[in-house]
Amino acid sequence: METHIDLPPAAPPRPHQPLPISEVDEPEEWAYAWDRLSTTAPDDKAEACPHCDEVWQYMGSVLRPATWGATILHQFRHRHHPRTKNRRYELIPASPAFQRRHGCK
């Protein structure tokens, strides 16, 4: 005789802070993030400042909680942007696959 037990649905995984990505450890996500940077700043992805040779740098990935869940953002910085002559940051949302692997929707 079979016994049927109704179990409550499993809780969704809780988002967790990802480790910084690298070209070696996460090549697909690395390429995804840099590609998206080129769409937010298409004319200056690798633009070096003529005064100090600064270029875009990947600074890490952050988990941003929200009321409906959480999202992971890859942070890039240009310390002396050639057009603005100021520090500039870009936050690039992680790929959907990367988000799911870290418990985000």
PDB file of N, CA and C in Angstrom:
ATOM      1  N   MET A   1       0.845  -1.170   0.000  1.00  0.00           N
ATOM      2  CA  MET A   1       0.000   0.000   0.000  1.00  0.00           C
ATOM      3  C   MET A   1       0.900   1.245   0.000  1.00  0.00           C
ATOM      4  N   GLU A   2       0.575   2.192  -0.875  1.00  0.00           N
ATOM      5  CA  GLU A   2       1.355   3.422  -0.967  1.00  0.00           C
ATOM      6  C   GLU A   2       0.789   4.464  -0.025  1.00  0.00           C
ATOM      7  N   THR A   3       1.681   5.212   0.554  1.00  0.00           N
ATOM      8  CA  THR A   3       1.269   6.310   1.413  1.00  0.00           C
ATOM      9  C   THR A   3       1.657   7.610   0.715  1.00  0.00           C
ATOM     10  N   HIS A   4       0.731   8.508   0.617  1.00  0.00           N
ATOM     11  CA  HIS A   4       0.988   9.790  -0.045  1.00  0.00           C
ATOM     12  C   HIS A   4       1.098  10.870   1.024  1.00  0.00           C
ATOM     13  N   ILE A   5       2.186  11.589   0.988  1.00  0.00           N
ATOM     14  CA  ILE A   5       2.397  12.678   1.943  1.00  0.00           C
ATOM     15  C   ILE A   5       2.543  13.969   1.151  1.00  0.00           C
ATOM     16  N   ASP A   6       1.744  14.955   1.468  1.00  0.00           N
ATOM     17  CA  ASP A   6       1.865  16.267   0.833  1.00  0.00           C
ATOM     18  C   ASP A   6       2.925  17.070   1.572  1.00  0.00           C
ATOM     19  N   LEU A   7       3.963  17.422   0.846  1.00  0.00           N
ATOM     20  CA  LEU A   7       5.021  18.231   1.419  1.00  0.00           C
ATOM     21  C   LEU A   7       4.865  19.667   0.940  1.00  0.00           C
ATOM     22  N   PRO A   8       5.219  20.606   1.783  1.00  0.00           N
ATOM     23  CA  PRO A   8       5.148  22.003   1.340  1.00  0.00           C
ATOM     24  C   PRO A   8       6.160  22.215   0.217  1.00  0.00           C
ATOM     25  N   PRO A   9       5.881  23.178  -0.674  1.00  0.00           N
ATOM     26  CA  PRO A   9       6.828  23.424  -1.754  1.00  0.00           C
ATOM     27  C   PRO A   9       8.179  23.865  -1.184  1.00  0.00           C
ATOM     28  N   ALA A  10       9.209  23.471  -1.875  1.00  0.00           N
ATOM     29  CA  ALA A  10      10.554  23.849  -1.434  1.00  0.00           C
ATOM     30  C   ALA A  10      10.718  25.356  -1.546  1.00  0.00           C
ATOM     31  N   ALA A  11      11.372  25.913  -0.575  1.00  0.00           N
ATOM     32  CA  ALA A  11      11.643  27.352  -0.609  1.00  0.00           C
ATOM     33  C   ALA A  11      12.658  27.640  -1.710  1.00  0.00           C
ATOM     34  N   PRO A  12      12.504  28.761  -2.413  1.00  0.00           N
ATOM     35  CA  PRO A  12      13.486  29.090  -3.438  1.00  0.00           C
ATOM     36  C   PRO A  12      14.848  29.329  -2.787  1.00  0.00           C
ATOM     37  N   PRO A  13      15.911  29.099  -3.521  1.00  0.00           N
ATOM     38  CA  PRO A  13      17.223  29.326  -2.936  1.00  0.00           C
ATOM     39  C   PRO A  13      17.412  30.799  -2.580  1.00  0.00           C
ATOM     40  N   ARG A  14      18.112  31.025  -1.505  1.00  0.00           N
ATOM     41  CA  ARG A  14      18.377  32.396  -1.084  1.00  0.00           C
ATOM     42  C   ARG A  14      19.566  32.926  -1.873  1.00  0.00           C
ATOM     43  N   PRO A  15      19.445  34.137  -2.411  1.00  0.00           N
ATOM     44  CA  PRO A  15      20.567  34.693  -3.159  1.00  0.00           C
ATOM     45  C   PRO A  15      21.801  34.815  -2.274  1.00  0.00           C
ATOM     46  N   HIS A  16      22.959  34.618  -2.869  1.00  0.00           N
ATOM     47  CA  HIS A  16      24.193  34.778  -2.120  1.00  0.00           C
ATOM     48  C   HIS A  16      25.184  35.603  -2.924  1.00  0.00           C
ATOM     49  N   GLN A  17      26.044  36.261  -2.214  1.00  0.00           N
ATOM     50  CA  GLN A  17      27.047  37.135  -2.821  1.00  0.00           C
ATOM     51  C   GLN A  17      28.003  36.315  -3.682  1.00  0.00           C
ATOM     52  N   PRO A  18      28.110  36.637  -4.969  1.00  0.00           N
ATOM     53  CA  PRO A  18      29.039  35.893  -5.817  1.00  0.00           C
ATOM     54  C   PRO A  18      30.476  36.328  -5.568  1.00  0.00           C
ATOM     55  N   LEU A  19      31.387  35.434  -5.843  1.00  0.00           N
ATOM     56  CA  LEU A  19      32.795  35.806  -5.812  1.00  0.00           C
ATOM     57  C   LEU A  19      33.082  36.653  -7.048  1.00  0.00           C
ATOM     58  N   PRO A  20      34.114  37.470  -7.006  1.00  0.00           N
ATOM     59  CA  PRO A  20      34.458  38.218  -8.215  1.00  0.00           C
ATOM     60  C   PRO A  20      34.715  37.252  -9.376  1.00  0.00           C
ATOM     61  N   ILE A  21      34.277  37.646 -10.560  1.00  0.00           N
ATOM     62  CA  ILE A  21      34.491  36.803 -11.723  1.00  0.00           C
ATOM     63  C   ILE A  21      35.843  37.121 -12.360  1.00  0.00           C
ATOM     64  N   SER A  22      36.339  36.179 -13.139  1.00  0.00           N
ATOM     65  CA  SER A  22      37.567  36.411 -13.893  1.00  0.00           C
ATOM     66  C   SER A  22      37.443  35.746 -15.253  1.00  0.00           C
ATOM     67  N   GLU A  23      38.317  36.111 -16.138  1.00  0.00           N
ATOM     68  CA  GLU A  23      38.326  35.534 -17.477  1.00  0.00           C
ATOM     69  C   GLU A  23      38.629  34.041 -17.433  1.00  0.00           C
ATOM     70  N   VAL A  24      39.356  33.602 -16.403  1.00  0.00           N
ATOM     71  CA  VAL A  24      39.721  32.194 -16.261  1.00  0.00           C
ATOM     72  C   VAL A  24      38.599  31.389 -15.609  1.00  0.00           C
ATOM     73  N   ASP A  25      38.064  31.878 -14.486  1.00  0.00           N
ATOM     74  CA  ASP A  25      37.061  31.131 -13.719  1.00  0.00           C
ATOM     75  C   ASP A  25      35.655  31.177 -14.321  1.00  0.00           C
ATOM     76  N   GLU A  26      35.292  32.277 -14.911  1.00  0.00           N
ATOM     77  CA  GLU A  26      33.943  32.479 -15.462  1.00  0.00           C
ATOM     78  C   GLU A  26      34.045  33.119 -16.846  1.00  0.00           C
ATOM     79  N   PRO A  27      34.645  32.426 -17.825  1.00  0.00           N
ATOM     80  CA  PRO A  27      34.885  33.067 -19.131  1.00  0.00           C
ATOM     81  C   PRO A  27      33.618  33.553 -19.832  1.00  0.00           C
ATOM     82  N   GLU A  28      32.529  32.805 -19.731  1.00  0.00           N
ATOM     83  CA  GLU A  28      31.297  33.232 -20.401  1.00  0.00           C
ATOM     84  C   GLU A  28      30.708  34.474 -19.743  1.00  0.00           C
ATOM     85  N   GLU A  29      30.700  34.483 -18.414  1.00  0.00           N
ATOM     86  CA  GLU A  29      30.155  35.647 -17.706  1.00  0.00           C
ATOM     87  C   GLU A  29      31.065  36.857 -17.886  1.00  0.00           C
ATOM     88  N   TRP A  30      32.372  36.633 -17.899  1.00  0.00           N
ATOM     89  CA  TRP A  30      33.343  37.705 -18.127  1.00  0.00           C
ATOM     90  C   TRP A  30      33.065  38.365 -19.487  1.00  0.00           C
ATOM     91  N   ALA A  31      32.928  37.551 -20.522  1.00  0.00           N
ATOM     92  CA  ALA A  31      32.661  38.077 -21.863  1.00  0.00           C
ATOM     93  C   ALA A  31      31.304  38.788 -21.901  1.00  0.00           C
ATOM     94  N   TYR A  32      30.310  38.216 -21.218  1.00  0.00           N
ATOM     95  CA  TYR A  32      28.975  38.809 -21.163  1.00  0.00           C
ATOM     96  C   TYR A  32      29.038  40.207 -20.538  1.00  0.00           C
ATOM     97  N   ALA A  33      29.708  40.329 -19.407  1.00  0.00           N
ATOM     98  CA  ALA A  33      29.776  41.615 -18.699  1.00  0.00           C
ATOM     99  C   ALA A  33      30.514  42.664 -19.531  1.00  0.00           C
ATOM    100  N   TRP A  34      31.646  42.298 -20.107  1.00  0.00           N
ATOM    101  CA  TRP A  34      32.413  43.254 -20.916  1.00  0.00           C
ATOM    102  C   TRP A  34      31.643  43.632 -22.176  1.00  0.00           C
ATOM    103  N   ASP A  35      30.913  42.691 -22.740  1.00  0.00           N
ATOM    104  CA  ASP A  35      30.108  42.998 -23.920  1.00  0.00           C
ATOM    105  C   ASP A  35      29.013  43.996 -23.565  1.00  0.00           C
ATOM    106  N   ARG A  36      28.375  43.805 -22.395  1.00  0.00           N
ATOM    107  CA  ARG A  36      27.326  44.739 -21.971  1.00  0.00           C
ATOM    108  C   ARG A  36      27.917  46.111 -21.644  1.00  0.00           C
ATOM    109  N   LEU A  37      29.127  46.148 -21.125  1.00  0.00           N
ATOM    110  CA  LEU A  37      29.776  47.438 -20.879  1.00  0.00           C
ATOM    111  C   LEU A  37      29.923  48.180 -22.200  1.00  0.00           C
ATOM    112  N   SER A  38      30.248  47.470 -23.255  1.00  0.00           N
ATOM    113  CA  SER A  38      30.425  48.132 -24.544  1.00  0.00           C
ATOM    114  C   SER A  38      29.106  48.662 -25.094  1.00  0.00           C
ATOM    115  N   THR A  39      27.961  48.131 -24.624  1.00  0.00           N
ATOM    116  CA  THR A  39      26.685  48.671 -25.093  1.00  0.00           C
ATOM    117  C   THR A  39      26.234  49.853 -24.250  1.00  0.00           C
ATOM    118  N   THR A  40      26.705  49.950 -22.997  1.00  0.00           N
ATOM    119  CA  THR A  40      26.352  51.114 -22.182  1.00  0.00           C
ATOM    120  C   THR A  40      27.298  52.272 -22.467  1.00  0.00           C
ATOM    121  N   ALA A  41      28.510  51.948 -22.881  1.00  0.00           N
ATOM    122  CA  ALA A  41      29.506  52.964 -23.215  1.00  0.00           C
ATOM    123  C   ALA A  41      30.208  52.531 -24.510  1.00  0.00           C
ATOM    124  N   PRO A  42      29.453  52.453 -25.635  1.00  0.00           N
ATOM    125  CA  PRO A  42      29.989  51.812 -26.837  1.00  0.00           C
ATOM    126  C   PRO A  42      31.224  52.461 -27.419  1.00  0.00           C
ATOM    127  N   ASP A  43      31.372  53.746 -27.268  1.00  0.00           N
ATOM    128  CA  ASP A  43      32.511  54.401 -27.891  1.00  0.00           C
ATOM    129  C   ASP A  43      33.732  54.509 -26.985  1.00  0.00           C
ATOM    130  N   ASP A  44      33.647  53.964 -25.772  1.00  0.00           N
ATOM    131  CA  ASP A  44      34.809  54.110 -24.891  1.00  0.00           C
ATOM    132  C   ASP A  44      35.106  52.864 -24.073  1.00  0.00           C
ATOM    133  N   LYS A  45      34.747  51.682 -24.550  1.00  0.00           N
ATOM    134  CA  LYS A  45      34.975  50.458 -23.786  1.00  0.00           C
ATOM    135  C   LYS A  45      36.429  50.311 -23.366  1.00  0.00           C
ATOM    136  N   ALA A  46      37.341  50.517 -24.276  1.00  0.00           N
ATOM    137  CA  ALA A  46      38.765  50.368 -23.961  1.00  0.00           C
ATOM    138  C   ALA A  46      39.489  51.695 -24.101  1.00  0.00           C
ATOM    139  N   GLU A  47      38.734  52.766 -24.051  1.00  0.00           N
ATOM    140  CA  GLU A  47      39.319  54.088 -24.260  1.00  0.00           C
ATOM    141  C   GLU A  47      40.248  54.456 -23.109  1.00  0.00           C
ATOM    142  N   ALA A  48      41.509  54.651 -23.433  1.00  0.00           N
ATOM    143  CA  ALA A  48      42.490  55.060 -22.430  1.00  0.00           C
ATOM    144  C   ALA A  48      42.501  56.574 -22.327  1.00  0.00           C
ATOM    145  N   CYS A  49      42.647  57.051 -21.120  1.00  0.00           N
ATOM    146  CA  CYS A  49      42.752  58.481 -20.922  1.00  0.00           C
ATOM    147  C   CYS A  49      44.125  58.928 -21.447  1.00  0.00           C
ATOM    148  N   PRO A  50      44.194  59.925 -22.324  1.00  0.00           N
ATOM    149  CA  PRO A  50      45.484  60.350 -22.869  1.00  0.00           C
ATOM    150  C   PRO A  50      46.404  60.983 -21.820  1.00  0.00           C
ATOM    151  N   HIS A  51      45.843  61.399 -20.693  1.00  0.00           N
ATOM    152  CA  HIS A  51      46.654  62.040 -19.652  1.00  0.00           C
ATOM    153  C   HIS A  51      47.301  61.043 -18.693  1.00  0.00           C
ATOM    154  N   CYS A  52      46.609  59.913 -18.452  1.00  0.00           N
ATOM    155  CA  CYS A  52      47.124  58.979 -17.445  1.00  0.00           C
ATOM    156  C   CYS A  52      47.009  57.508 -17.847  1.00  0.00           C
ATOM    157  N   ASP A  53      46.537  57.216 -19.055  1.00  0.00           N
ATOM    158  CA  ASP A  53      46.398  55.849 -19.572  1.00  0.00           C
ATOM    159  C   ASP A  53      45.420  54.987 -18.791  1.00  0.00           C
ATOM    160  N   GLU A  54      44.548  55.571 -17.999  1.00  0.00           N
ATOM    161  CA  GLU A  54      43.534  54.790 -17.291  1.00  0.00           C
ATOM    162  C   GLU A  54      42.524  54.227 -18.280  1.00  0.00           C
ATOM    163  N   VAL A  55      42.036  53.005 -18.014  1.00  0.00           N
ATOM    164  CA  VAL A  55      41.020  52.349 -18.834  1.00  0.00           C
ATOM    165  C   VAL A  55      39.948  51.775 -17.907  1.00  0.00           C
ATOM    166  N   TRP A  56      38.891  51.224 -18.485  1.00  0.00           N
ATOM    167  CA  TRP A  56      37.862  50.568 -17.690  1.00  0.00           C
ATOM    168  C   TRP A  56      38.458  49.397 -16.931  1.00  0.00           C
ATOM    169  N   GLN A  57      38.023  49.221 -15.683  1.00  0.00           N
ATOM    170  CA  GLN A  57      38.467  48.112 -14.835  1.00  0.00           C
ATOM    171  C   GLN A  57      37.243  47.437 -14.232  1.00  0.00           C
ATOM    172  N   TYR A  58      37.289  46.111 -14.172  1.00  0.00           N
ATOM    173  CA  TYR A  58      36.248  45.358 -13.466  1.00  0.00           C
ATOM    174  C   TYR A  58      36.575  45.444 -11.980  1.00  0.00           C
ATOM    175  N   MET A  59      35.590  45.865 -11.169  1.00  0.00           N
ATOM    176  CA  MET A  59      35.825  46.077  -9.741  1.00  0.00           C
ATOM    177  C   MET A  59      35.248  44.976  -8.859  1.00  0.00           C
ATOM    178  N   GLY A  60      34.366  44.170  -9.396  1.00  0.00           N
ATOM    179  CA  GLY A  60      33.759  43.112  -8.592  1.00  0.00           C
ATOM    180  C   GLY A  60      32.288  42.986  -8.922  1.00  0.00           C
ATOM    181  N   SER A  61      31.646  42.046  -8.267  1.00  0.00           N
ATOM    182  CA  SER A  61      30.223  41.813  -8.465  1.00  0.00           C
ATOM    183  C   SER A  61      29.527  41.957  -7.124  1.00  0.00           C
ATOM    184  N   VAL A  62      28.370  42.589  -7.152  1.00  0.00           N
ATOM    185  CA  VAL A  62      27.641  42.856  -5.918  1.00  0.00           C
ATOM    186  C   VAL A  62      26.237  42.293  -6.007  1.00  0.00           C
ATOM    187  N   LEU A  63      25.713  41.893  -4.884  1.00  0.00           N
ATOM    188  CA  LEU A  63      24.339  41.419  -4.766  1.00  0.00           C
ATOM    189  C   LEU A  63      23.504  42.600  -4.299  1.00  0.00           C
ATOM    190  N   ARG A  64      22.503  42.968  -5.079  1.00  0.00           N
ATOM    191  CA  ARG A  64      21.636  44.081  -4.698  1.00  0.00           C
ATOM    192  C   ARG A  64      20.263  43.528  -4.340  1.00  0.00           C
ATOM    193  N   PRO A  65      19.951  43.477  -3.030  1.00  0.00           N
ATOM    194  CA  PRO A  65      18.628  43.000  -2.616  1.00  0.00           C
ATOM    195  C   PRO A  65      17.533  43.975  -3.050  1.00  0.00           C
ATOM    196  N   ALA A  66      16.376  43.438  -3.316  1.00  0.00           N
ATOM    197  CA  ALA A  66      15.206  44.253  -3.658  1.00  0.00           C
ATOM    198  C   ALA A  66      13.991  43.595  -3.013  1.00  0.00           C
ATOM    199  N   THR A  67      12.883  44.310  -2.982  1.00  0.00           N
ATOM    200  CA  THR A  67      11.679  43.766  -2.343  1.00  0.00           C
ATOM    201  C   THR A  67      11.172  42.537  -3.077  1.00  0.00           C
ATOM    202  N   TRP A  68      11.401  42.429  -4.356  1.00  0.00           N
ATOM    203  CA  TRP A  68      10.913  41.297  -5.151  1.00  0.00           C
ATOM    204  C   TRP A  68      11.961  40.217  -5.341  1.00  0.00           C
ATOM    205  N   GLY A  69      13.117  40.349  -4.763  1.00  0.00           N
ATOM    206  CA  GLY A  69      14.191  39.359  -4.911  1.00  0.00           C
ATOM    207  C   GLY A  69      15.541  40.019  -4.786  1.00  0.00           C
ATOM    208  N   ALA A  70      16.417  39.676  -5.682  1.00  0.00           N
ATOM    209  CA  ALA A  70      17.745  40.270  -5.682  1.00  0.00           C
ATOM    210  C   ALA A  70      18.311  40.173  -7.094  1.00  0.00           C
ATOM    211  N   THR A  71      19.303  40.976  -7.355  1.00  0.00           N
ATOM    212  CA  THR A  71      19.990  40.915  -8.638  1.00  0.00           C
ATOM    213  C   THR A  71      21.486  41.069  -8.397  1.00  0.00           C
ATOM    214  N   ILE A  72      22.254  40.546  -9.313  1.00  0.00           N
ATOM    215  CA  ILE A  72      23.708  40.659  -9.231  1.00  0.00           C
ATOM    216  C   ILE A  72      24.162  41.653 -10.285  1.00  0.00           C
ATOM    217  N   LEU A  73      25.000  42.569  -9.875  1.00  0.00           N
ATOM    218  CA  LEU A  73      25.529  43.585 -10.775  1.00  0.00           C
ATOM    219  C   LEU A  73      27.051  43.491 -10.814  1.00  0.00           C
ATOM    220  N   HIS A  74      27.602  43.589 -12.009  1.00  0.00           N
ATOM    221  CA  HIS A  74      29.047  43.654 -12.176  1.00  0.00           C
ATOM    222  C   HIS A  74      29.427  45.135 -12.240  1.00  0.00           C
ATOM    223  N   GLN A  75      30.384  45.521 -11.405  1.00  0.00           N
ATOM    224  CA  GLN A  75      30.758  46.932 -11.321  1.00  0.00           C
ATOM    225  C   GLN A  75      32.057  47.189 -12.080  1.00  0.00           C
ATOM    226  N   PHE A  76      32.023  48.223 -12.929  1.00  0.00           N
ATOM    227  CA  PHE A  76      33.197  48.663 -13.675  1.00  0.00           C
ATOM    228  C   PHE A  76      33.500  50.116 -13.306  1.00  0.00           C
ATOM    229  N   ARG A  77      34.788  50.464 -13.373  1.00  0.00           N
ATOM    230  CA  ARG A  77      35.203  51.823 -13.024  1.00  0.00           C
ATOM    231  C   ARG A  77      36.222  52.308 -14.046  1.00  0.00           C
ATOM    232  N   HIS A  78      36.107  53.575 -14.378  1.00  0.00           N
ATOM    233  CA  HIS A  78      37.140  54.263 -15.156  1.00  0.00           C
ATOM    234  C   HIS A  78      37.573  55.417 -14.261  1.00  0.00           C
ATOM    235  N   ARG A  79      38.830  55.410 -13.816  1.00  0.00           N
ATOM    236  CA  ARG A  79      39.263  56.404 -12.822  1.00  0.00           C
ATOM    237  C   ARG A  79      39.408  57.816 -13.378  1.00  0.00           C
ATOM    238  N   HIS A  80      39.635  57.951 -14.655  1.00  0.00           N
ATOM    239  CA  HIS A  80      39.756  59.293 -15.246  1.00  0.00           C
ATOM    240  C   HIS A  80      39.246  59.218 -16.675  1.00  0.00           C
ATOM    241  N   HIS A  81      37.931  59.288 -16.791  1.00  0.00           N
ATOM    242  CA  HIS A  81      37.308  59.125 -18.094  1.00  0.00           C
ATOM    243  C   HIS A  81      37.735  60.262 -19.024  1.00  0.00           C
ATOM    244  N   PRO A  82      38.168  59.930 -20.244  1.00  0.00           N
ATOM    245  CA  PRO A  82      38.716  60.950 -21.137  1.00  0.00           C
ATOM    246  C   PRO A  82      37.752  62.083 -21.499  1.00  0.00           C
ATOM    247  N   ARG A  83      36.453  61.771 -21.593  1.00  0.00           N
ATOM    248  CA  ARG A  83      35.516  62.846 -21.948  1.00  0.00           C
ATOM    249  C   ARG A  83      35.071  63.661 -20.756  1.00  0.00           C
ATOM    250  N   THR A  84      34.843  63.011 -19.631  1.00  0.00           N
ATOM    251  CA  THR A  84      34.324  63.739 -18.465  1.00  0.00           C
ATOM    252  C   THR A  84      35.437  64.248 -17.555  1.00  0.00           C
ATOM    253  N   LYS A  85      36.608  63.644 -17.683  1.00  0.00           N
ATOM    254  CA  LYS A  85      37.765  63.967 -16.817  1.00  0.00           C
ATOM    255  C   LYS A  85      37.462  63.670 -15.350  1.00  0.00           C
ATOM    256  N   ASN A  86      36.522  62.766 -15.133  1.00  0.00           N
ATOM    257  CA  ASN A  86      36.123  62.365 -13.785  1.00  0.00           C
ATOM    258  C   ASN A  86      36.085  60.853 -13.692  1.00  0.00           C
ATOM    259  N   ARG A  87      35.958  60.368 -12.470  1.00  0.00           N
ATOM    260  CA  ARG A  87      35.748  58.940 -12.240  1.00  0.00           C
ATOM    261  C   ARG A  87      34.335  58.586 -12.708  1.00  0.00           C
ATOM    262  N   ARG A  88      34.215  57.417 -13.316  1.00  0.00           N
ATOM    263  CA  ARG A  88      32.912  56.985 -13.824  1.00  0.00           C
ATOM    264  C   ARG A  88      32.713  55.512 -13.478  1.00  0.00           C
ATOM    265  N   TYR A  89      31.506  55.157 -13.051  1.00  0.00           N
ATOM    266  CA  TYR A  89      31.150  53.783 -12.725  1.00  0.00           C
ATOM    267  C   TYR A  89      30.014  53.327 -13.630  1.00  0.00           C
ATOM    268  N   GLU A  90      30.027  52.050 -13.959  1.00  0.00           N
ATOM    269  CA  GLU A  90      28.922  51.422 -14.683  1.00  0.00           C
ATOM    270  C   GLU A  90      28.567  50.138 -13.942  1.00  0.00           C
ATOM    271  N   LEU A  91      27.280  49.910 -13.735  1.00  0.00           N
ATOM    272  CA  LEU A  91      26.788  48.679 -13.126  1.00  0.00           C
ATOM    273  C   LEU A  91      26.071  47.879 -14.208  1.00  0.00           C
ATOM    274  N   ILE A  92      26.569  46.680 -14.459  1.00  0.00           N
ATOM    275  CA  ILE A  92      26.051  45.832 -15.525  1.00  0.00           C
ATOM    276  C   ILE A  92      25.331  44.629 -14.896  1.00  0.00           C
ATOM    277  N   PRO A  93      24.034  44.449 -15.158  1.00  0.00           N
ATOM    278  CA  PRO A  93      23.348  43.266 -14.617  1.00  0.00           C
ATOM    279  C   PRO A  93      23.985  41.980 -15.149  1.00  0.00           C
ATOM    280  N   ALA A  94      24.140  41.011 -14.267  1.00  0.00           N
ATOM    281  CA  ALA A  94      24.705  39.709 -14.647  1.00  0.00           C
ATOM    282  C   ALA A  94      23.745  38.987 -15.587  1.00  0.00           C
ATOM    283  N   SER A  95      24.283  38.003 -16.280  1.00  0.00           N
ATOM    284  CA  SER A  95      23.462  37.215 -17.202  1.00  0.00           C
ATOM    285  C   SER A  95      22.393  36.454 -16.424  1.00  0.00           C
ATOM    286  N   PRO A  96      21.283  36.123 -17.080  1.00  0.00           N
ATOM    287  CA  PRO A  96      20.243  35.346 -16.396  1.00  0.00           C
ATOM    288  C   PRO A  96      20.772  34.017 -15.839  1.00  0.00           C
ATOM    289  N   ALA A  97      21.637  33.331 -16.575  1.00  0.00           N
ATOM    290  CA  ALA A  97      22.178  32.046 -16.090  1.00  0.00           C
ATOM    291  C   ALA A  97      23.022  32.252 -14.832  1.00  0.00           C
ATOM    292  N   PHE A  98      23.846  33.278 -14.815  1.00  0.00           N
ATOM    293  CA  PHE A  98      24.687  33.575 -13.648  1.00  0.00           C
ATOM    294  C   PHE A  98      23.807  33.935 -12.453  1.00  0.00           C
ATOM    295  N   GLN A  99      22.774  34.725 -12.705  1.00  0.00           N
ATOM    296  CA  GLN A  99      21.845  35.100 -11.638  1.00  0.00           C
ATOM    297  C   GLN A  99      21.199  33.857 -11.017  1.00  0.00           C
ATOM    298  N   ARG A 100      20.714  32.953 -11.878  1.00  0.00           N
ATOM    299  CA  ARG A 100      20.068  31.732 -11.362  1.00  0.00           C
ATOM    300  C   ARG A 100      21.049  30.883 -10.550  1.00  0.00           C
ATOM    301  N   ARG A 101      22.282  30.757 -11.018  1.00  0.00           N
ATOM    302  CA  ARG A 101      23.277  29.949 -10.286  1.00  0.00           C
ATOM    303  C   ARG A 101      23.533  30.474  -8.885  1.00  0.00           C
ATOM    304  N   HIS A 102      23.282  31.750  -8.675  1.00  0.00           N
ATOM    305  CA  HIS A 102      23.504  32.362  -7.369  1.00  0.00           C
ATOM    306  C   HIS A 102      22.202  32.634  -6.621  1.00  0.00           C
ATOM    307  N   GLY A 103      21.112  31.988  -7.059  1.00  0.00           N
ATOM    308  CA  GLY A 103      19.865  32.038  -6.320  1.00  0.00           C
ATOM    309  C   GLY A 103      18.980  33.229  -6.613  1.00  0.00           C
ATOM    310  N   CYS A 104      19.281  33.999  -7.652  1.00  0.00           N
ATOM    311  CA  CYS A 104      18.429  35.131  -8.016  1.00  0.00           C
ATOM    312  C   CYS A 104      17.444  34.684  -9.081  1.00  0.00           C
ATOM    313  N   LYS A 105      16.368  35.393  -9.191  1.00  0.00           N
ATOM    314  CA  LYS A 105      15.358  35.062 -10.205  1.00  0.00           C
ATOM    315  C   LYS A 105      15.699  35.710 -11.520  1.00  0.00           C
TER     316      LYS A 105
END
